[in-house]
Amino acid sequence: MTAAGMPPGLLEAFAAYEAALMADDVAVLDRLFAPGPETLRADADGVLVGHDRIAAFRARRGGAPLRTLAETHVQVIDADSALVVAVTELARGGCGLQTQLWRRFPGVSEHGGWQITAAHVSVAPPALDTRIWRVVGDPLVRPTSTGTLTGQTVAVKDLYAVAGHPVGAGNPAWLAGARPEPRHAAAVATLLTAGAAVRGIARTDELAYSLAGTNAHYGTPPNPRAPHRIPGGSSSGSASAVALGHATVGLGTDTGGSVRVPAAYQGLFGIRTTHGAVDRAGLVPLAPDFDAVGWLTRSPELLRTVGDVLLPPGSPGGSAELVVDDQLLGSAQPDVAGAVRAWTAAAGARNVDVPLDELDEWRTAFQTWQAYQAWRSHGEWLDENLDGLGDDVRARFEAASGVDDDAAERARAVLDDARVRVRDLVDDRVLVLPSAPSVAPSISTGATLADRNATMRLTCLAGIAGLPAVSIPVRTADGLPAGVCLVAGAGRDRDLLDLVVEYTQR
């Protein structure tokens, strides 16, 4: 690169950017990016639009990988605009590439008035993205026969036994104390017999006790449909693997929404099956009264094909009438509620008015009984390992340890009544509601306790009544993924899967 024709101050501003990046000087970096809603920053995870979102990302990431400049190329556009392309060598190995569009703004005194209006950063991808996978192969486990799933690949949530591999359950201490499993979990074995291959073992929130997908030990799996937003959990790795095309099927679990929430956040199809319909042998429990096998796919046809393999034969039948309740719709944010209303209108759903004044009481009872069972499932191990959990999951288990028998029995009494009410509400129809009340929160803010409670206010209904629920992807007016949830009577899983294919093909 020569200085001939170089706009004055540009190279100095670029050097200041590099120095600030290596020093993680967030304040200087913020000033070097142009203010306003149109500034762009893109990387492999997606595009950040607007200075505020870029600043929030930069503040939380903890600095960029150490690097040195290998090549710098400048293409001058005019006296006040230039494109800078730089090749970098990473201290950890490999090369990176950054492309920046610089503009000189009158009235900006610092750095000669030069600021970045658009930037794209790329680095060599890791051999294994440990945010998504604990272990992966090509494939990790070959199918044991041929069948309707021949050619499909499965991301197995790290709660299911995979023969020859320990279960990690999203926690390093759990993994360290685990032994290789002698046999596959029942669901895994059935998928292999139908011709599917196990692509790998995918990350989960610790012991599946979260809906966010932000594992404190292994990082946050990416959400390719909503970049720089959380993926949803606890079947986070399985969902991200499917959304990214690493696998065609994500085998997960759903206790309080752990398939439906990542399906909604990432624009996938997902099903929570009728409680007990699919064998849970070889699965680490959370709350056995609510735990259910589930899976995620990118197409409704494959979602149904997996159901043909895993679900028991036959179906009790029932009406295909769709009903929607305004109170449940009103539990979602306006953008999500609008997307769900548009879907229900197109599908011809009928409005029903059902008093659900106890919904928050039911949600509280669900969380109390879930916590009681979670502590009884893992309390002995947690007595020695509680401090090794991430902050949010640890706080949840700490609260669970304090749920006594009396509180648990009161919660169960509420749930006994709620189960009858929910089953009466659904009856032989199909209830439509939002899969989650909001789009995926940004990684910079994360999911709050209020977010979790608002989500479980909707997701707990299927769990309380042990009913099947399918999430269908829709988009908000802003283009972000959301989910329409269909809930049917117990054992009507196959009916739901047929309906999803039918309504998606319309």
Foldseek 3Di string as FASTA:
>chain_A
DDCVPPQPLPVVLVVVCVVCQQVLVLVSQLVQADADQAAWEAEPLGIDTGSVRVSLVSVPPPGDADWDWDDWDWDDPDNFKIKIKTWIAGPVGFIKIKIWIWGADPPDPPSNRIHTRYMYIYTDDDPDQLLQAPDFDVHPFFAPAEAPCAPFEEAEELFWADAQAWRDQLFPVNRVPTDHDNHTFQLVNLSSPRRYTYGHYTHFARNFPFFFQARPPRGAQRQNQDGQFGQTARLRSLLSCQLVVVGFKYKDKPQLQHFLSSCQQRQKKKKFAQQPQFHGGRGQDQQNLQITIMMIGRDLVVRLVSCVRGGDDDFPAFDAAEEEEVVQLVLADPQLSVFLVVLCVVVVHHYDYDDDVCLLVLLVLSLLLSLLRRCVSCVVVCVPCLVSGPPVVSVSNVVSVPRDPVNNVVSVVVLVVLLVVLCVVQPRYKYKHWSARYHGGGPSVTADPVRVSSRSSNRCSCRSNSWMKMWHWTAGPVGGITTMIITHHHRRNSVVSVVNNVSVVD
